[in-house]
Amino acid sequence: MGKVIPLNHSDNEATRYVRVTKRDHRGYVEFQFSIGDPNLYLEMTLPPAAFDEFCAEYRVRVLSQHECEQVDANDRRWRFGDDEQE
């Protein structure tokens, strides 16, 4: 298994967010990772130990259920122009 290589941290100490979206049949963790704005994210997959190491290295904050709902609403609005959930 590879090792998490830290990015060169500059003065930008923006909050890093994680939202776990699924654990697959092999135990891999599928998640969204964002820096500064949880609405702009990368979808990533890591084995559990690497995910734990990644979260510790980048001192991530796990999104609350309410924050996840806001991200989903923003995503729907961006994709479909929906202002409200039906």
Protein backbone atom coordinates (compact mmCIF):
# COMPACT_ATOMS: atom_id res chain seq x y z
CA MET A 1 0.00 0.00 0.00
CA GLY A 2 1.21 3.49 -0.82
CA LYS A 3 1.98 6.22 1.68
CA VAL A 4 0.15 9.50 1.96
CA ILE A 5 2.54 12.24 0.90
CA PRO A 6 1.67 15.57 2.50
CA LEU A 7 1.25 18.55 0.25
CA ASN A 8 3.60 21.43 0.81
CA HIS A 9 1.57 23.40 3.33
CA SER A 10 1.70 27.12 2.68
CA ASP A 11 0.01 29.87 4.61
CA ASN A 12 -3.28 28.61 3.20
CA GLU A 13 -4.73 26.67 6.11
CA ALA A 14 -8.23 26.41 4.65
CA THR A 15 -10.52 23.89 6.28
CA ARG A 16 -10.50 20.48 4.67
CA TYR A 17 -13.78 18.56 4.58
CA VAL A 18 -14.66 14.90 4.16
CA ARG A 19 -18.03 13.35 3.47
CA VAL A 20 -18.11 9.54 3.45
CA THR A 21 -20.54 8.43 0.77
CA LYS A 22 -20.11 4.65 0.80
CA ARG A 23 -18.08 1.71 1.99
CA ASP A 24 -17.89 -0.85 -0.78
CA HIS A 25 -17.99 -4.65 -0.54
CA ARG A 26 -14.20 -4.81 -0.06
CA GLY A 27 -14.27 -2.26 2.78
CA TYR A 28 -12.91 0.59 0.70
CA VAL A 29 -14.11 4.03 1.75
CA GLU A 30 -15.65 6.20 -0.95
CA PHE A 31 -15.73 9.86 0.01
CA GLN A 32 -15.82 13.46 -1.11
CA PHE A 33 -12.83 15.63 -0.20
CA SER A 34 -12.86 19.41 -0.40
CA ILE A 35 -10.69 22.32 0.65
CA GLY A 36 -12.31 25.54 1.74
CA ASP A 37 -15.73 24.96 0.14
CA PRO A 38 -17.56 21.66 0.63
CA ASN A 39 -19.56 22.32 -2.56
CA LEU A 40 -16.42 21.82 -4.69
CA TYR A 41 -15.08 18.35 -4.07
CA LEU A 42 -13.13 15.42 -5.43
CA GLU A 43 -14.60 11.95 -5.21
CA MET A 44 -11.99 9.57 -3.85
CA THR A 45 -11.67 5.93 -2.77
CA LEU A 46 -9.13 4.57 -0.30
CA PRO A 47 -8.65 1.43 1.79
CA PRO A 48 -9.75 2.01 5.41
CA ALA A 49 -6.25 2.38 6.88
CA ALA A 50 -5.20 4.83 4.15
CA PHE A 51 -8.43 6.78 4.64
CA ASP A 52 -7.73 7.12 8.37
CA GLU A 53 -4.15 8.24 7.63
CA PHE A 54 -5.39 10.72 5.00
CA CYS A 55 -7.91 12.25 7.44
CA ALA A 56 -5.30 12.56 10.19
CA GLU A 57 -2.66 14.03 7.87
CA TYR A 58 -4.97 16.72 6.51
CA ARG A 59 -6.87 17.31 9.77
CA VAL A 60 -10.20 17.02 7.98
CA ARG A 61 -13.57 17.97 9.38
CA VAL A 62 -16.36 15.49 8.67
CA LEU A 63 -19.48 17.20 7.34
CA SER A 64 -22.58 17.03 9.53
CA GLN A 65 -25.84 15.62 8.19
CA HIS A 66 -27.21 19.16 7.81
CA GLU A 67 -24.12 20.24 5.85
CA CYS A 68 -24.44 17.17 3.61
CA GLU A 69 -28.04 18.11 2.86
CA GLN A 70 -26.92 21.64 1.95
CA VAL A 71 -24.26 20.27 -0.41
CA ASP A 72 -26.88 18.01 -2.04
CA ALA A 73 -29.31 20.93 -2.42
CA ASN A 74 -26.60 23.08 -4.01
CA ASP A 75 -25.69 20.22 -6.33
CA ARG A 76 -29.34 19.81 -7.43
CA ARG A 77 -29.66 23.56 -7.94
CA TRP A 78 -26.49 23.64 -10.05
CA ARG A 79 -27.44 20.58 -12.13
CA PHE A 80 -31.19 21.03 -12.53
CA GLY A 81 -32.02 24.57 -11.46
CA ASP A 82 -34.14 23.26 -8.56
CA ASP A 83 -34.52 25.75 -5.75
CA GLU A 84 -36.35 23.42 -3.42
CA GLN A 85 -36.54 19.72 -2.78
CA GLU A 86 -39.88 18.32 -3.98
